[in-house]
């Protein structure tokens, strides 16, 4: 998620209740056979719209696909 989290930068993730995820959260989501760390752009009762920090939208994911939430971004080089 270029600009907010650089490629290869270490982060700390924590558990999340998918029902509590809201717009602006950074979450780890199961996506097309893999996982993505992405920004929640919009949230409905059952789904979240995920994208990056520079305007790209990936698409809608079910809330049940959200497996973690960003807690901390570690400085580069640590």
N, C-alpha and C. Protein backbone atom coordinates (compact mmCIF):
# COMPACT_ATOMS: atom_id res chain seq x y z
N UNK A 1 0.85 -1.16 0.00
CA UNK A 1 0.00 0.00 0.00
C UNK A 1 0.90 1.23 0.00
N UNK A 2 1.46 1.48 -1.12
CA UNK A 2 2.43 2.55 -1.33
C UNK A 2 1.96 3.87 -0.71
N UNK A 3 2.88 4.57 -0.07
CA UNK A 3 2.57 5.85 0.52
C UNK A 3 2.26 5.76 2.00
N UNK A 4 1.55 4.77 2.39
CA UNK A 4 1.22 4.57 3.81
C UNK A 4 2.07 3.46 4.39
N UNK A 5 2.22 2.40 3.63
CA UNK A 5 3.07 1.27 3.98
C UNK A 5 3.85 0.92 2.72
N UNK A 6 5.16 0.94 2.82
CA UNK A 6 5.99 0.66 1.65
C UNK A 6 6.18 -0.85 1.49
N UNK A 7 6.43 -1.28 0.26
CA UNK A 7 6.65 -2.69 -0.04
C UNK A 7 7.81 -3.20 0.81
N UNK A 8 7.58 -4.29 1.52
CA UNK A 8 8.60 -4.90 2.35
C UNK A 8 8.67 -4.34 3.76
N UNK A 9 7.91 -3.32 4.05
CA UNK A 9 7.93 -2.72 5.39
C UNK A 9 7.22 -3.65 6.37
N UNK A 10 7.80 -3.79 7.57
CA UNK A 10 7.20 -4.65 8.58
C UNK A 10 6.00 -3.98 9.23
N UNK A 11 4.99 -4.79 9.52
CA UNK A 11 3.79 -4.31 10.20
C UNK A 11 3.43 -5.31 11.29
N UNK A 12 2.65 -4.84 12.24
CA UNK A 12 2.09 -5.72 13.25
C UNK A 12 0.59 -5.78 13.01
N UNK A 13 0.07 -7.01 12.95
CA UNK A 13 -1.36 -7.22 12.76
C UNK A 13 -1.94 -7.80 14.04
N UNK A 14 -3.21 -7.54 14.25
CA UNK A 14 -3.91 -8.08 15.40
C UNK A 14 -5.21 -8.72 14.98
N UNK A 15 -5.83 -9.42 15.91
CA UNK A 15 -7.13 -10.02 15.61
C UNK A 15 -8.18 -8.95 15.37
N UNK A 16 -9.22 -9.33 14.67
CA UNK A 16 -10.28 -8.37 14.36
C UNK A 16 -11.61 -9.11 14.31
N UNK A 17 -12.63 -8.43 14.77
CA UNK A 17 -13.99 -8.89 14.57
C UNK A 17 -14.43 -8.29 13.24
N UNK A 18 -14.64 -9.09 12.21
CA UNK A 18 -15.00 -8.55 10.90
C UNK A 18 -16.21 -7.62 10.91
N UNK A 19 -17.11 -7.82 11.87
CA UNK A 19 -18.30 -6.96 11.96
C UNK A 19 -17.94 -5.53 12.40
N UNK A 20 -16.76 -5.34 12.99
CA UNK A 20 -16.36 -4.03 13.49
C UNK A 20 -15.47 -3.25 12.52
N UNK A 21 -15.11 -3.85 11.39
CA UNK A 21 -14.27 -3.18 10.40
C UNK A 21 -15.04 -2.03 9.78
N UNK A 22 -14.33 -0.89 9.61
CA UNK A 22 -15.00 0.29 9.07
C UNK A 22 -14.10 0.98 8.05
N UNK A 23 -14.67 1.91 7.32
CA UNK A 23 -13.93 2.70 6.34
C UNK A 23 -12.70 3.31 6.99
N UNK A 24 -11.56 3.21 6.30
CA UNK A 24 -10.32 3.77 6.81
C UNK A 24 -9.43 2.77 7.52
N UNK A 25 -9.98 1.61 7.91
CA UNK A 25 -9.17 0.57 8.54
C UNK A 25 -8.25 -0.06 7.50
N UNK A 26 -7.09 -0.51 7.94
CA UNK A 26 -6.19 -1.30 7.10
C UNK A 26 -6.31 -2.73 7.60
N UNK A 27 -6.68 -3.63 6.70
CA UNK A 27 -6.97 -5.01 7.09
C UNK A 27 -6.25 -6.01 6.19
N UNK A 28 -6.04 -7.20 6.75
CA UNK A 28 -5.54 -8.33 5.98
C UNK A 28 -6.76 -9.12 5.53
N UNK A 29 -6.88 -9.31 4.22
CA UNK A 29 -8.06 -9.92 3.62
C UNK A 29 -7.67 -11.10 2.75
N UNK A 30 -8.38 -12.22 2.89
CA UNK A 30 -8.22 -13.33 1.93
C UNK A 30 -8.77 -12.84 0.60
N UNK A 31 -7.93 -12.97 -0.45
CA UNK A 31 -8.33 -12.40 -1.75
C UNK A 31 -7.79 -13.25 -2.88
N UNK A 32 -8.67 -13.86 -3.66
CA UNK A 32 -8.31 -14.61 -4.87
C UNK A 32 -7.17 -15.59 -4.65
N UNK A 33 -7.27 -16.41 -3.62
CA UNK A 33 -6.29 -17.45 -3.35
C UNK A 33 -5.07 -16.99 -2.57
N UNK A 34 -5.02 -15.73 -2.21
CA UNK A 34 -3.91 -15.19 -1.42
C UNK A 34 -4.45 -14.27 -0.35
N UNK A 35 -3.60 -13.38 0.11
CA UNK A 35 -4.02 -12.37 1.08
C UNK A 35 -3.47 -11.02 0.66
N UNK A 36 -4.21 -9.97 1.00
CA UNK A 36 -3.79 -8.59 0.73
C UNK A 36 -3.91 -7.78 2.00
N UNK A 37 -2.98 -6.87 2.21
CA UNK A 37 -3.09 -5.87 3.26
C UNK A 37 -3.55 -4.61 2.56
N UNK A 38 -4.81 -4.24 2.79
CA UNK A 38 -5.39 -3.13 2.05
C UNK A 38 -6.28 -2.24 2.93
N UNK A 39 -6.53 -1.09 2.38
CA UNK A 39 -7.36 -0.08 3.02
C UNK A 39 -8.84 -0.36 2.73
N UNK A 40 -9.68 -0.23 3.74
CA UNK A 40 -11.12 -0.35 3.53
C UNK A 40 -11.63 1.00 3.04
N UNK A 41 -12.14 1.01 1.83
CA UNK A 41 -12.64 2.23 1.21
C UNK A 41 -14.11 2.48 1.53
N UNK A 42 -14.85 1.40 1.72
CA UNK A 42 -16.28 1.48 2.01
C UNK A 42 -16.68 0.19 2.70
N UNK A 43 -17.70 0.25 3.54
CA UNK A 43 -18.15 -0.95 4.24
C UNK A 43 -19.67 -1.00 4.26
N UNK A 44 -20.20 -2.20 4.01
CA UNK A 44 -21.63 -2.43 4.13
C UNK A 44 -21.81 -3.50 5.22
N UNK A 45 -23.03 -3.93 5.41
CA UNK A 45 -23.30 -4.94 6.44
C UNK A 45 -22.51 -6.23 6.21
N UNK A 46 -22.38 -6.67 4.95
CA UNK A 46 -21.77 -7.96 4.65
C UNK A 46 -20.43 -7.90 3.94
N UNK A 47 -20.08 -6.73 3.39
CA UNK A 47 -18.88 -6.65 2.54
C UNK A 47 -18.05 -5.41 2.84
N UNK A 48 -16.78 -5.47 2.41
CA UNK A 48 -15.89 -4.31 2.46
C UNK A 48 -15.29 -4.10 1.07
N UNK A 49 -15.17 -2.85 0.69
CA UNK A 49 -14.53 -2.48 -0.57
C UNK A 49 -13.08 -2.17 -0.25
N UNK A 50 -12.15 -2.92 -0.86
CA UNK A 50 -10.74 -2.74 -0.53
C UNK A 50 -9.99 -2.10 -1.69
N UNK A 51 -8.98 -1.34 -1.33
CA UNK A 51 -8.13 -0.69 -2.31
C UNK A 51 -6.84 -0.26 -1.66
N UNK A 52 -6.03 0.47 -2.41
CA UNK A 52 -4.76 0.92 -1.85
C UNK A 52 -4.85 2.39 -1.47
N UNK A 53 -3.72 2.93 -1.05
CA UNK A 53 -3.66 4.30 -0.54
C UNK A 53 -3.51 5.34 -1.65
N UNK A 54 -3.35 4.91 -2.89
CA UNK A 54 -3.15 5.85 -3.99
C UNK A 54 -4.27 5.78 -5.03
N UNK A 55 -5.45 5.31 -4.61
CA UNK A 55 -6.62 5.39 -5.46
C UNK A 55 -7.08 4.13 -6.16
N UNK A 56 -6.29 3.07 -6.18
CA UNK A 56 -6.71 1.84 -6.85
C UNK A 56 -7.73 1.09 -6.01
N UNK A 57 -8.76 0.60 -6.66
CA UNK A 57 -9.79 -0.22 -6.01
C UNK A 57 -9.63 -1.65 -6.49
N UNK A 58 -9.57 -2.59 -5.56
CA UNK A 58 -9.48 -4.00 -5.92
C UNK A 58 -10.86 -4.61 -6.11
N UNK A 59 -11.78 -4.29 -5.20
CA UNK A 59 -13.12 -4.82 -5.30
C UNK A 59 -13.71 -5.13 -3.95
N UNK A 60 -14.87 -5.75 -3.98
CA UNK A 60 -15.60 -6.09 -2.76
C UNK A 60 -15.16 -7.45 -2.24
N UNK A 61 -15.02 -7.54 -0.93
CA UNK A 61 -14.71 -8.81 -0.25
C UNK A 61 -15.74 -9.00 0.86
N UNK A 62 -16.07 -10.23 1.11
CA UNK A 62 -16.99 -10.52 2.22
C UNK A 62 -16.28 -10.21 3.54
N UNK A 63 -17.03 -9.72 4.49
CA UNK A 63 -16.45 -9.43 5.81
C UNK A 63 -15.81 -10.68 6.41
N UNK A 64 -16.35 -11.85 6.10
CA UNK A 64 -15.78 -13.09 6.63
C UNK A 64 -14.39 -13.37 6.08
N UNK A 65 -13.97 -12.64 5.04
CA UNK A 65 -12.63 -12.79 4.47
C UNK A 65 -11.59 -11.93 5.18
N UNK A 66 -12.03 -11.04 6.05
CA UNK A 66 -11.11 -10.20 6.81
C UNK A 66 -10.54 -11.03 7.95
N UNK A 67 -9.19 -11.15 8.00
CA UNK A 67 -8.56 -12.03 8.98
C UNK A 67 -7.68 -11.29 9.99
N UNK A 68 -7.43 -10.01 9.80
CA UNK A 68 -6.61 -9.25 10.76
C UNK A 68 -6.70 -7.77 10.48
N UNK A 69 -6.26 -6.97 11.47
CA UNK A 69 -6.28 -5.51 11.33
C UNK A 69 -4.89 -4.97 11.68
N UNK A 70 -4.48 -3.94 10.96
CA UNK A 70 -3.20 -3.30 11.20
C UNK A 70 -3.19 -2.64 12.58
N UNK A 71 -2.13 -2.93 13.33
CA UNK A 71 -1.94 -2.30 14.64
C UNK A 71 -0.81 -1.28 14.59
N UNK A 72 0.27 -1.64 13.86
CA UNK A 72 1.44 -0.77 13.85
C UNK A 72 2.22 -0.95 12.56
N UNK A 73 2.73 0.17 12.04
CA UNK A 73 3.67 0.15 10.91
C UNK A 73 5.04 0.45 11.50
N UNK A 74 5.99 -0.45 11.29
CA UNK A 74 7.34 -0.29 11.83
C UNK A 74 8.18 0.57 10.87
N UNK A 75 9.03 1.41 11.40
CA UNK A 75 9.89 2.23 10.54
C UNK A 75 10.74 1.34 9.63
N UNK A 76 11.01 1.82 8.43
CA UNK A 76 11.87 1.07 7.51
C UNK A 76 13.25 0.87 8.14
N UNK A 77 13.82 -0.29 7.92
CA UNK A 77 15.17 -0.58 8.40
C UNK A 77 15.23 -1.09 9.81
N UNK A 78 14.06 -1.40 10.41
CA UNK A 78 14.09 -1.94 11.78
C UNK A 78 13.67 -3.37 11.80
